[in-house]
Each structure stands twice: as structure tokens, then as C-alpha cells.
PDB file of N, CA and C in Angstrom:
ATOM      1  N   MET A   1     170.515  79.616 139.702  1.00  0.00           N
ATOM      2  CA  MET A   1     169.674  79.198 138.441  1.00  0.00           C
ATOM      3  C   MET A   1     169.015  80.339 138.006  1.00  0.00           C
ATOM      4  N   HIS A   2     169.173  80.575 136.636  1.00  0.00           N
ATOM      5  CA  HIS A   2     168.587  81.745 135.876  1.00  0.00           C
ATOM      6  C   HIS A   2     167.470  81.214 135.116  1.00  0.00           C
ATOM      7  N   LEU A   3     166.179  81.773 135.380  1.00  0.00           N
ATOM      8  CA  LEU A   3     165.045  81.414 134.616  1.00  0.00           C
ATOM      9  C   LEU A   3     164.813  82.322 133.415  1.00  0.00           C
ATOM     10  N   ASP A   4     164.307  81.789 132.350  1.00  0.00           N
ATOM     11  CA  ASP A   4     163.893  82.661 131.158  1.00  0.00           C
ATOM     12  C   ASP A   4     162.495  82.637 131.282  1.00  0.00           C
ATOM     13  N   LEU A   5     161.940  83.545 132.021  1.00  0.00           N
ATOM     14  CA  LEU A   5     160.544  83.723 132.167  1.00  0.00           C
ATOM     15  C   LEU A   5     160.359  85.202 131.751  1.00  0.00           C
ATOM     16  N   PRO A   6     159.189  85.392 130.877  1.00  0.00           N
ATOM     17  CA  PRO A   6     158.873  86.841 130.512  1.00  0.00           C
ATOM     18  C   PRO A   6     158.196  87.544 131.803  1.00  0.00           C
ATOM     19  N   GLU A   7     158.236  88.807 131.797  1.00  0.00           N
ATOM     20  CA  GLU A   7     157.538  89.575 132.862  1.00  0.00           C
ATOM     21  C   GLU A   7     156.097  89.481 132.796  1.00  0.00           C
ATOM     22  N   LYS A   8     155.430  88.877 133.701  1.00  0.00           N
ATOM     23  CA  LYS A   8     154.041  88.701 133.685  1.00  0.00           C
ATOM     24  C   LYS A   8     153.545  88.741 135.248  1.00  0.00           C
ATOM     25  N   ARG A   9     152.335  88.945 135.347  1.00  0.00           N
ATOM     26  CA  ARG A   9     151.614  88.992 136.671  1.00  0.00           C
ATOM     27  C   ARG A   9     151.458  87.692 137.256  1.00  0.00           C
ATOM     28  N   TYR A  10     151.158  86.575 136.371  1.00  0.00           N
ATOM     29  CA  TYR A  10     150.869  85.323 136.822  1.00  0.00           C
ATOM     30  C   TYR A  10     151.474  84.340 135.816  1.00  0.00           C
ATOM     31  N   TYR A  11     151.970  83.256 136.346  1.00  0.00           N
ATOM     32  CA  TYR A  11     152.535  82.209 135.557  1.00  0.00           C
ATOM     33  C   TYR A  11     151.843  80.851 135.975  1.00  0.00           C
ATOM     34  N   SER A  12     151.644  80.081 134.849  1.00  0.00           N
ATOM     35  CA  SER A  12     150.968  78.814 134.900  1.00  0.00           C
ATOM     36  C   SER A  12     151.870  77.854 135.661  1.00  0.00           C
ATOM     37  N   ILE A  13     151.357  76.743 136.137  1.00  0.00           N
ATOM     38  CA  ILE A  13     152.294  75.623 136.571  1.00  0.00           C
ATOM     39  C   ILE A  13     153.169  75.069 135.561  1.00  0.00           C
ATOM     40  N   GLY A  14     152.510  74.839 134.343  1.00  0.00           N
ATOM     41  CA  GLY A  14     153.194  74.333 133.182  1.00  0.00           C
ATOM     42  C   GLY A  14     154.496  75.162 132.690  1.00  0.00           C
ATOM     43  N   GLU A  15     154.358  76.616 132.783  1.00  0.00           N
ATOM     44  CA  GLU A  15     155.461  77.381 132.409  1.00  0.00           C
ATOM     45  C   GLU A  15     156.458  77.220 133.430  1.00  0.00           C
ATOM     46  N   LEU A  16     156.195  77.291 134.784  1.00  0.00           N
ATOM     47  CA  LEU A  16     157.176  77.118 135.756  1.00  0.00           C
ATOM     48  C   LEU A  16     157.931  75.680 135.764  1.00  0.00           C
ATOM     49  N   ALA A  17     157.053  74.655 135.545  1.00  0.00           N
ATOM     50  CA  ALA A  17     157.750  73.410 135.477  1.00  0.00           C
ATOM     51  C   ALA A  17     158.739  73.370 134.227  1.00  0.00           C
ATOM     52  N   LYS A  18     158.393  73.858 133.166  1.00  0.00           N
ATOM     53  CA  LYS A  18     159.226  73.938 132.076  1.00  0.00           C
ATOM     54  C   LYS A  18     160.472  74.699 132.289  1.00  0.00           C
ATOM     55  N   ALA A  19     160.381  75.798 133.009  1.00  0.00           N
ATOM     56  CA  ALA A  19     161.362  76.802 133.291  1.00  0.00           C
ATOM     57  C   ALA A  19     162.450  76.296 134.264  1.00  0.00           C
ATOM     58  N   PHE A  20     161.957  75.433 135.503  1.00  0.00           N
ATOM     59  CA  PHE A  20     162.777  74.726 136.272  1.00  0.00           C
ATOM     60  C   PHE A  20     163.065  73.313 135.782  1.00  0.00           C
ATOM     61  N   ASP A  21     162.705  73.000 134.689  1.00  0.00           N
ATOM     62  CA  ASP A  21     162.965  71.554 134.217  1.00  0.00           C
ATOM     63  C   ASP A  21     162.628  70.398 135.284  1.00  0.00           C
ATOM     64  N   VAL A  22     161.385  70.582 135.768  1.00  0.00           N
ATOM     65  CA  VAL A  22     160.848  69.633 136.697  1.00  0.00           C
ATOM     66  C   VAL A  22     159.421  69.275 136.266  1.00  0.00           C
ATOM     67  N   ASN A  23     158.816  68.278 136.839  1.00  0.00           N
ATOM     68  CA  ASN A  23     157.487  68.024 136.516  1.00  0.00           C
ATOM     69  C   ASN A  23     156.519  68.894 137.219  1.00  0.00           C
ATOM     70  N   ALA A  24     155.331  69.056 136.796  1.00  0.00           N
ATOM     71  CA  ALA A  24     154.413  69.936 137.453  1.00  0.00           C
ATOM     72  C   ALA A  24     154.034  69.464 138.752  1.00  0.00           C
ATOM     73  N   SER A  25     153.945  68.044 138.923  1.00  0.00           N
ATOM     74  CA  SER A  25     153.785  67.413 140.160  1.00  0.00           C
ATOM     75  C   SER A  25     154.593  67.854 141.173  1.00  0.00           C
ATOM     76  N   LEU A  26     155.815  67.918 140.905  1.00  0.00           N
ATOM     77  CA  LEU A  26     156.689  68.363 141.934  1.00  0.00           C
ATOM     78  C   LEU A  26     156.356  69.926 142.308  1.00  0.00           C
ATOM     79  N   ILE A  27     156.056  70.763 141.584  1.00  0.00           N
ATOM     80  CA  ILE A  27     155.698  72.114 141.962  1.00  0.00           C
ATOM     81  C   ILE A  27     154.260  72.013 142.913  1.00  0.00           C
ATOM     82  N   ARG A  28     153.354  71.172 142.436  1.00  0.00           N
ATOM     83  CA  ARG A  28     152.055  71.025 143.141  1.00  0.00           C
ATOM     84  C   ARG A  28     152.478  70.484 144.496  1.00  0.00           C
ATOM     85  N   PHE A  29     153.363  69.482 144.665  1.00  0.00           N
ATOM     86  CA  PHE A  29     153.827  68.900 145.881  1.00  0.00           C
ATOM     87  C   PHE A  29     154.497  70.074 146.883  1.00  0.00           C
ATOM     88  N   TRP A  30     155.299  70.731 146.228  1.00  0.00           N
ATOM     89  CA  TRP A  30     155.927  71.839 147.042  1.00  0.00           C
ATOM     90  C   TRP A  30     155.018  72.934 147.352  1.00  0.00           C
ATOM     91  N   ASP A  31     153.886  73.183 146.630  1.00  0.00           N
ATOM     92  CA  ASP A  31     153.057  74.105 146.924  1.00  0.00           C
ATOM     93  C   ASP A  31     152.282  73.482 148.190  1.00  0.00           C
ATOM     94  N   LYS A  32     151.874  72.463 148.401  1.00  0.00           N
ATOM     95  CA  LYS A  32     151.247  71.725 149.558  1.00  0.00           C
ATOM     96  C   LYS A  32     152.279  71.767 150.870  1.00  0.00           C
ATOM     97  N   GLU A  33     153.606  71.507 150.503  1.00  0.00           N
ATOM     98  CA  GLU A  33     154.460  71.457 151.673  1.00  0.00           C
ATOM     99  C   GLU A  33     154.977  72.598 152.212  1.00  0.00           C
ATOM    100  N   PHE A  34     155.148  73.704 151.444  1.00  0.00           N
ATOM    101  CA  PHE A  34     155.754  74.860 151.803  1.00  0.00           C
ATOM    102  C   PHE A  34     154.731  75.976 152.002  1.00  0.00           C
ATOM    103  N   ASP A  35     154.572  76.504 153.192  1.00  0.00           N
ATOM    104  CA  ASP A  35     153.577  77.639 153.403  1.00  0.00           C
ATOM    105  C   ASP A  35     153.958  79.079 152.744  1.00  0.00           C
ATOM    106  N   ILE A  36     155.301  78.909 152.289  1.00  0.00           N
ATOM    107  CA  ILE A  36     155.749  80.265 151.829  1.00  0.00           C
ATOM    108  C   ILE A  36     155.114  80.564 150.387  1.00  0.00           C
ATOM    109  N   LEU A  37     154.682  79.459 149.778  1.00  0.00           N
ATOM    110  CA  LEU A  37     154.090  79.383 148.400  1.00  0.00           C
ATOM    111  C   LEU A  37     152.548  79.578 148.606  1.00  0.00           C
ATOM    112  N   LYS A  38     152.068  80.715 147.979  1.00  0.00           N
ATOM    113  CA  LYS A  38     150.699  80.978 148.100  1.00  0.00           C
ATOM    114  C   LYS A  38     150.120  81.424 146.614  1.00  0.00           C
ATOM    115  N   PRO A  39     149.933  80.413 145.693  1.00  0.00           N
ATOM    116  CA  PRO A  39     149.539  80.741 144.434  1.00  0.00           C
ATOM    117  C   PRO A  39     148.023  80.980 144.296  1.00  0.00           C
ATOM    118  N   LYS A  40     147.676  81.848 143.418  1.00  0.00           N
ATOM    119  CA  LYS A  40     146.092  82.087 143.286  1.00  0.00           C
ATOM    120  C   LYS A  40     145.474  80.846 142.554  1.00  0.00           C
ATOM    121  N   LYS A  41     144.349  80.785 142.585  1.00  0.00           N
ATOM    122  CA  LYS A  41     143.678  79.828 141.767  1.00  0.00           C
ATOM    123  C   LYS A  41     142.552  80.454 141.024  1.00  0.00           C
ATOM    124  N   ASN A  42     142.479  80.049 139.716  1.00  0.00           N
ATOM    125  CA  ASN A  42     141.508  80.801 138.824  1.00  0.00           C
ATOM    126  C   ASN A  42     140.065  80.018 138.942  1.00  0.00           C
ATOM    127  N   ALA A  43     139.150  80.404 138.223  1.00  0.00           N
ATOM    128  CA  ALA A  43     137.881  79.735 138.236  1.00  0.00           C
ATOM    129  C   ALA A  43     137.859  78.192 137.991  1.00  0.00           C
ATOM    130  N   LYS A  44     138.772  77.807 137.127  1.00  0.00           N
ATOM    131  CA  LYS A  44     139.053  76.479 136.847  1.00  0.00           C
ATOM    132  C   LYS A  44     139.708  75.663 137.752  1.00  0.00           C
ATOM    133  N   GLY A  45     140.282  76.403 138.877  1.00  0.00           N
ATOM    134  CA  GLY A  45     141.094  75.739 139.850  1.00  0.00           C
ATOM    135  C   GLY A  45     142.583  75.489 139.583  1.00  0.00           C
ATOM    136  N   ASN A  46     143.029  76.148 138.487  1.00  0.00           N
ATOM    137  CA  ASN A  46     144.476  76.035 138.110  1.00  0.00           C
ATOM    138  C   ASN A  46     145.293  76.990 138.961  1.00  0.00           C
ATOM    139  N   ARG A  47     146.494  76.614 139.414  1.00  0.00           N
ATOM    140  CA  ARG A  47     147.328  77.437 140.164  1.00  0.00           C
ATOM    141  C   ARG A  47     147.888  78.454 139.349  1.00  0.00           C
ATOM    142  N   MET A  48     147.973  79.777 139.738  1.00  0.00           N
ATOM    143  CA  MET A  48     148.321  80.917 138.980  1.00  0.00           C
ATOM    144  C   MET A  48     149.465  81.544 139.894  1.00  0.00           C
ATOM    145  N   PHE A  49     150.849  81.355 139.639  1.00  0.00           N
ATOM    146  CA  PHE A  49     151.708  81.833 140.592  1.00  0.00           C
ATOM    147  C   PHE A  49     152.323  83.239 140.223  1.00  0.00           C
ATOM    148  N   THR A  50     152.478  84.234 141.259  1.00  0.00           N
ATOM    149  CA  THR A  50     152.948  85.564 140.966  1.00  0.00           C
ATOM    150  C   THR A  50     154.432  85.414 140.961  1.00  0.00           C
ATOM    151  N   PRO A  51     155.027  86.675 140.559  1.00  0.00           N
ATOM    152  CA  PRO A  51     156.616  86.693 140.548  1.00  0.00           C
ATOM    153  C   PRO A  51     157.223  86.361 141.912  1.00  0.00           C
ATOM    154  N   GLU A  52     156.491  86.850 143.056  1.00  0.00           N
ATOM    155  CA  GLU A  52     156.928  86.490 144.501  1.00  0.00           C
ATOM    156  C   GLU A  52     157.013  85.153 144.716  1.00  0.00           C
ATOM    157  N   ASP A  53     156.024  84.413 144.095  1.00  0.00           N
ATOM    158  CA  ASP A  53     156.058  82.907 144.235  1.00  0.00           C
ATOM    159  C   ASP A  53     157.008  82.263 143.438  1.00  0.00           C
ATOM    160  N   VAL A  54     157.415  82.793 142.178  1.00  0.00           N
ATOM    161  CA  VAL A  54     158.564  82.259 141.542  1.00  0.00           C
ATOM    162  C   VAL A  54     159.833  82.526 142.329  1.00  0.00           C
ATOM    163  N   LYS A  55     160.028  83.691 142.954  1.00  0.00           N
ATOM    164  CA  LYS A  55     161.255  83.826 143.727  1.00  0.00           C
ATOM    165  C   LYS A  55     161.352  82.654 144.784  1.00  0.00           C
ATOM    166  N   ASN A  56     160.138  82.526 145.548  1.00  0.00           N
ATOM    167  CA  ASN A  56     160.261  81.570 146.490  1.00  0.00           C
ATOM    168  C   ASN A  56     160.384  80.125 146.017  1.00  0.00           C
ATOM    169  N   LEU A  57     159.809  79.841 144.833  1.00  0.00           N
ATOM    170  CA  LEU A  57     160.097  78.444 144.177  1.00  0.00           C
ATOM    171  C   LEU A  57     161.663  78.413 143.927  1.00  0.00           C
ATOM    172  N   GLN A  58     162.188  79.402 143.360  1.00  0.00           N
ATOM    173  CA  GLN A  58     163.586  79.424 142.993  1.00  0.00           C
ATOM    174  C   GLN A  58     164.334  79.012 144.401  1.00  0.00           C
ATOM    175  N   LEU A  59     164.097  79.702 145.556  1.00  0.00           N
ATOM    176  CA  LEU A  59     164.693  79.556 146.710  1.00  0.00           C
ATOM    177  C   LEU A  59     164.618  77.977 147.286  1.00  0.00           C
ATOM    178  N   ILE A  60     163.294  77.478 147.100  1.00  0.00           N
ATOM    179  CA  ILE A  60     163.015  76.086 147.409  1.00  0.00           C
ATOM    180  C   ILE A  60     163.906  75.088 146.614  1.00  0.00           C
ATOM    181  N   TYR A  61     163.807  75.459 145.304  1.00  0.00           N
ATOM    182  CA  TYR A  61     164.652  74.511 144.373  1.00  0.00           C
ATOM    183  C   TYR A  61     166.201  74.609 144.600  1.00  0.00           C
ATOM    184  N   HIS A  62     166.674  75.915 145.062  1.00  0.00           N
ATOM    185  CA  HIS A  62     167.975  75.938 145.331  1.00  0.00           C
ATOM    186  C   HIS A  62     168.399  75.183 146.631  1.00  0.00           C
ATOM    187  N   LEU A  63     167.645  75.158 147.589  1.00  0.00           N
ATOM    188  CA  LEU A  63     167.766  74.510 148.770  1.00  0.00           C
ATOM    189  C   LEU A  63     167.685  73.060 148.627  1.00  0.00           C
ATOM    190  N   VAL A  64     166.546  72.531 147.968  1.00  0.00           N
ATOM    191  CA  VAL A  64     166.279  71.126 147.927  1.00  0.00           C
ATOM    192  C   VAL A  64     167.317  70.415 146.818  1.00  0.00           C
ATOM    193  N   LYS A  65     167.188  71.153 145.609  1.00  0.00           N
ATOM    194  CA  LYS A  65     167.827  70.419 144.409  1.00  0.00           C
ATOM    195  C   LYS A  65     169.330  70.744 144.335  1.00  0.00           C
ATOM    196  N   GLU A  66     169.811  71.989 144.687  1.00  0.00           N
ATOM    197  CA  GLU A  66     171.163  72.418 144.513  1.00  0.00           C
ATOM    198  C   GLU A  66     171.980  72.178 145.808  1.00  0.00           C
ATOM    199  N   ARG A  67     171.287  72.381 146.929  1.00  0.00           N
ATOM    200  CA  ARG A  67     172.269  72.198 148.171  1.00  0.00           C
ATOM    201  C   ARG A  67     171.842  70.969 148.955  1.00  0.00           C
ATOM    202  N   GLY A  68     170.894  70.093 148.409  1.00  0.00           N
ATOM    203  CA  GLY A  68     170.634  68.817 148.917  1.00  0.00           C
ATOM    204  C   GLY A  68     169.885  68.811 150.317  1.00  0.00           C
ATOM    205  N   PHE A  69     169.217  69.780 150.557  1.00  0.00           N
ATOM    206  CA  PHE A  69     168.330  69.799 151.835  1.00  0.00           C
ATOM    207  C   PHE A  69     167.322  68.866 151.647  1.00  0.00           C
ATOM    208  N   THR A  70     166.827  68.287 152.901  1.00  0.00           N
ATOM    209  CA  THR A  70     165.587  67.478 152.969  1.00  0.00           C
ATOM    210  C   THR A  70     164.396  68.457 153.028  1.00  0.00           C
ATOM    211  N   LEU A  71     163.312  68.068 152.737  1.00  0.00           N
ATOM    212  CA  LEU A  71     162.075  68.929 152.822  1.00  0.00           C
ATOM    213  C   LEU A  71     161.935  69.581 154.128  1.00  0.00           C
ATOM    214  N   ASP A  72     162.114  68.740 155.052  1.00  0.00           N
ATOM    215  CA  ASP A  72     161.996  69.180 156.516  1.00  0.00           C
ATOM    216  C   ASP A  72     163.118  70.362 156.910  1.00  0.00           C
ATOM    217  N   GLY A  73     164.489  69.869 156.300  1.00  0.00           N
ATOM    218  CA  GLY A  73     165.390  70.811 156.602  1.00  0.00           C
ATOM    219  C   GLY A  73     165.275  72.026 155.759  1.00  0.00           C
ATOM    220  N   ALA A  74     164.665  72.129 154.586  1.00  0.00           N
ATOM    221  CA  ALA A  74     164.463  73.365 153.962  1.00  0.00           C
ATOM    222  C   ALA A  74     163.343  73.982 154.648  1.00  0.00           C
ATOM    223  N   LYS A  75     162.200  73.560 155.096  1.00  0.00           N
ATOM    224  CA  LYS A  75     161.270  74.121 155.897  1.00  0.00           C
ATOM    225  C   LYS A  75     161.880  74.867 157.170  1.00  0.00           C
ATOM    226  N   VAL A  76     162.701  74.202 157.988  1.00  0.00           N
ATOM    227  CA  VAL A  76     163.272  74.740 159.100  1.00  0.00           C
ATOM    228  C   VAL A  76     164.099  75.898 158.670  1.00  0.00           C
ATOM    229  N   HIS A  77     165.011  75.753 157.603  1.00  0.00           N
ATOM    230  CA  HIS A  77     166.026  76.757 157.231  1.00  0.00           C
ATOM    231  C   HIS A  77     165.181  77.905 156.788  1.00  0.00           C
ATOM    232  N   LEU A  78     164.113  77.818 156.098  1.00  0.00           N
ATOM    233  CA  LEU A  78     163.256  78.926 155.721  1.00  0.00           C
ATOM    234  C   LEU A  78     162.700  79.758 156.773  1.00  0.00           C
ATOM    235  N   LYS A  79     162.162  79.011 157.804  1.00  0.00           N
ATOM    236  CA  LYS A  79     161.550  79.583 158.904  1.00  0.00           C
ATOM    237  C   LYS A  79     162.513  80.337 159.922  1.00  0.00           C
ATOM    238  N   GLU A  80     163.619  79.764 159.960  1.00  0.00           N
ATOM    239  CA  GLU A  80     164.637  80.293 160.967  1.00  0.00           C
ATOM    240  C   GLU A  80     165.298  81.564 160.477  1.00  0.00           C
ATOM    241  N   GLY A  81     165.874  81.429 159.148  1.00  0.00           N
ATOM    242  CA  GLY A  81     166.606  82.511 158.772  1.00  0.00           C
ATOM    243  C   GLY A  81     166.066  82.887 157.308  1.00  0.00           C
ATOM    244  N   GLN A  82     164.885  83.190 157.138  1.00  0.00           N
ATOM    245  CA  GLN A  82     164.195  83.501 155.758  1.00  0.00           C
ATOM    246  C   GLN A  82     165.017  84.832 155.219  1.00  0.00           C
ATOM    247  N   LYS A  83     165.002  85.871 155.921  1.00  0.00           N
ATOM    248  CA  LYS A  83     165.700  86.997 155.445  1.00  0.00           C
ATOM    249  C   LYS A  83     167.160  86.735 154.950  1.00  0.00           C
ATOM    250  N   LYS A  84     167.929  86.261 155.873  1.00  0.00           N
ATOM    251  CA  LYS A  84     169.240  86.054 155.603  1.00  0.00           C
ATOM    252  C   LYS A  84     169.466  85.132 154.283  1.00  0.00           C
ATOM    253  N   THR A  85     168.432  83.980 154.338  1.00  0.00           N
ATOM    254  CA  THR A  85     168.546  83.099 153.166  1.00  0.00           C
ATOM    255  C   THR A  85     168.170  83.761 151.879  1.00  0.00           C
ATOM    256  N   LEU A  86     167.154  84.585 151.964  1.00  0.00           N
ATOM    257  CA  LEU A  86     166.835  85.211 150.800  1.00  0.00           C
ATOM    258  C   LEU A  86     167.875  86.299 150.190  1.00  0.00           C
ATOM    259  N   ASP A  87     168.488  86.935 151.135  1.00  0.00           N
ATOM    260  CA  ASP A  87     169.522  87.904 150.638  1.00  0.00           C
ATOM    261  C   ASP A  87     170.685  87.144 149.947  1.00  0.00           C
ATOM    262  N   LYS A  88     171.133  86.017 150.716  1.00  0.00           N
ATOM    263  CA  LYS A  88     172.181  85.251 150.141  1.00  0.00           C
ATOM    264  C   LYS A  88     171.795  84.634 148.697  1.00  0.00           C
ATOM    265  N   PHE A  89     170.604  84.185 148.598  1.00  0.00           N
ATOM    266  CA  PHE A  89     170.081  83.566 147.409  1.00  0.00           C
ATOM    267  C   PHE A  89     170.189  84.690 146.344  1.00  0.00           C
ATOM    268  N   GLU A  90     169.566  85.776 146.586  1.00  0.00           N
ATOM    269  CA  GLU A  90     169.637  87.038 145.721  1.00  0.00           C
ATOM    270  C   GLU A  90     170.951  87.313 145.020  1.00  0.00           C
ATOM    271  N   VAL A  91     171.956  87.277 146.145  1.00  0.00           N
ATOM    272  CA  VAL A  91     173.221  87.704 145.743  1.00  0.00           C
ATOM    273  C   VAL A  91     173.866  86.494 144.764  1.00  0.00           C
ATOM    274  N   ILE A  92     173.605  85.203 145.121  1.00  0.00           N
ATOM    275  CA  ILE A  92     174.027  84.079 144.361  1.00  0.00           C
ATOM    276  C   ILE A  92     173.414  84.347 142.858  1.00  0.00           C
ATOM    277  N   SER A  93     172.145  84.608 142.778  1.00  0.00           N
ATOM    278  CA  SER A  93     171.512  84.576 141.564  1.00  0.00           C
ATOM    279  C   SER A  93     171.844  85.830 140.623  1.00  0.00           C
ATOM    280  N   LYS A  94     172.217  86.902 141.291  1.00  0.00           N
ATOM    281  CA  LYS A  94     172.802  88.082 140.542  1.00  0.00           C
ATOM    282  C   LYS A  94     174.274  87.622 140.121  1.00  0.00           C
ATOM    283  N   LEU A  95     175.082  86.905 140.860  1.00  0.00           N
ATOM    284  CA  LEU A  95     176.363  86.699 140.494  1.00  0.00           C
ATOM    285  C   LEU A  95     176.405  85.657 139.421  1.00  0.00           C
ATOM    286  N   GLU A  96     175.341  84.605 139.248  1.00  0.00           N
ATOM    287  CA  GLU A  96     175.275  83.682 138.305  1.00  0.00           C
ATOM    288  C   GLU A  96     174.751  84.417 136.955  1.00  0.00           C
ATOM    289  N   ALA A  97     173.990  85.345 137.009  1.00  0.00           N
ATOM    290  CA  ALA A  97     173.505  86.070 135.880  1.00  0.00           C
ATOM    291  C   ALA A  97     174.651  86.906 135.237  1.00  0.00           C
ATOM    292  N   ILE A  98     175.528  87.489 136.106  1.00  0.00           N
ATOM    293  CA  ILE A  98     176.704  88.321 135.495  1.00  0.00           C
ATOM    294  C   ILE A  98     177.578  87.274 134.966  1.00  0.00           C
ATOM    295  N   LYS A  99     178.015  86.130 135.542  1.00  0.00           N
ATOM    296  CA  LYS A  99     178.697  85.044 135.124  1.00  0.00           C
ATOM    297  C   LYS A  99     178.275  84.705 133.709  1.00  0.00           C
ATOM    298  N   ALA A 100     176.882  84.424 133.487  1.00  0.00           N
ATOM    299  CA  ALA A 100     176.400  84.159 132.189  1.00  0.00           C
ATOM    300  C   ALA A 100     176.601  85.245 131.211  1.00  0.00           C
ATOM    301  N   GLN A 101     176.335  86.469 131.575  1.00  0.00           N
ATOM    302  CA  GLN A 101     176.728  87.573 130.615  1.00  0.00           C
ATOM    303  C   GLN A 101     178.129  87.704 130.300  1.00  0.00           C
ATOM    304  N   LEU A 102     179.028  87.435 131.221  1.00  0.00           N
ATOM    305  CA  LEU A 102     180.397  87.523 130.831  1.00  0.00           C
ATOM    306  C   LEU A 102     180.898  86.338 129.946  1.00  0.00           C
ATOM    307  N   THR A 103     180.289  85.225 130.219  1.00  0.00           N
ATOM    308  CA  THR A 103     180.717  84.029 129.334  1.00  0.00           C
ATOM    309  C   THR A 103     180.122  84.266 127.925  1.00  0.00           C
ATOM    310  N   ASN A 104     178.949  84.877 127.731  1.00  0.00           N
ATOM    311  CA  ASN A 104     178.496  85.252 126.562  1.00  0.00           C
ATOM    312  C   ASN A 104     179.418  86.200 125.728  1.00  0.00           C
ATOM    313  N   ILE A 105     179.776  87.155 126.499  1.00  0.00           N
ATOM    314  CA  ILE A 105     180.724  88.233 125.910  1.00  0.00           C
ATOM    315  C   ILE A 105     182.096  87.605 125.505  1.00  0.00           C
ATOM    316  N   LYS A 106     182.609  86.772 126.431  1.00  0.00           N
ATOM    317  CA  LYS A 106     183.725  85.975 125.989  1.00  0.00           C
ATOM    318  C   LYS A 106     183.570  85.203 124.786  1.00  0.00           C
ATOM    319  N   ASN A 107     182.396  84.587 124.598  1.00  0.00           N
ATOM    320  CA  ASN A 107     182.210  83.677 123.508  1.00  0.00           C
ATOM    321  C   ASN A 107     182.109  84.446 122.106  1.00  0.00           C
ATOM    322  N   GLU A 108     181.694  85.647 122.191  1.00  0.00           N
ATOM    323  CA  GLU A 108     181.398  86.543 121.107  1.00  0.00           C
ATOM    324  C   GLU A 108     182.896  87.135 120.604  1.00  0.00           C
ATOM    325  N   LEU A 109     183.790  87.209 121.419  1.00  0.00           N
ATOM    326  CA  LEU A 109     185.127  87.818 121.078  1.00  0.00           C
ATOM    327  C   LEU A 109     185.862  86.748 120.211  1.00  0.00           C
TER     328      LEU A 109
END
């Protein structure tokens, strides 16, 4: 999954919900369920996600929505092989981005 997010230090939950095409409540739920997510909270109490949190959200989204893991299964998978999972996910993400670029080039011809 390729996200169209600008380079920023912090992202609001609304920006991420729109980018992932999910409800903000799902991201709040994942925040409570997964220890890997650690968004900062501003003075109003709004969650502000760092680029690292966005990568972790992408990984959770990939496991739960794309690969069909249960929440418990995704938690176990993340704890057991986090480094391997992140490496595989980064390779898949890069390949998907390359595929999208090649498709755009093909369509322009």
C-alpha cells in the first residue's frame, strides 16, 4: 500500500484515516491494541503520529487488512519476528511503488 502523505514530523489521526481509507476510530483502536504504536498527544489530547508510527500503522494494516491476520495473530507475529516482518514489508512496499511508477510510464506511452 502506497500512502500519499507529505513529509512532516507529525500527522493527525484524520490525515492517517484518510490516507489509509479507514475510520479514525479504527486507528484509535489499533493504538490501544498494539504496543508498537506510540503517538504523542498535544495539549488538547489529540494523537499526533510520527513517521515511525505511520510505518508501524502500514505494517499493522498490511497484516490485518491485506493478509487477514486476527488482531492477536498480528500481535504475535509482530513480537516474534518484528525485524524480519519489517524487512519483508519494506521490500513489498518498494516493489509496489516501483510497479506504480512503471504503470504510469506505460500509460504515458
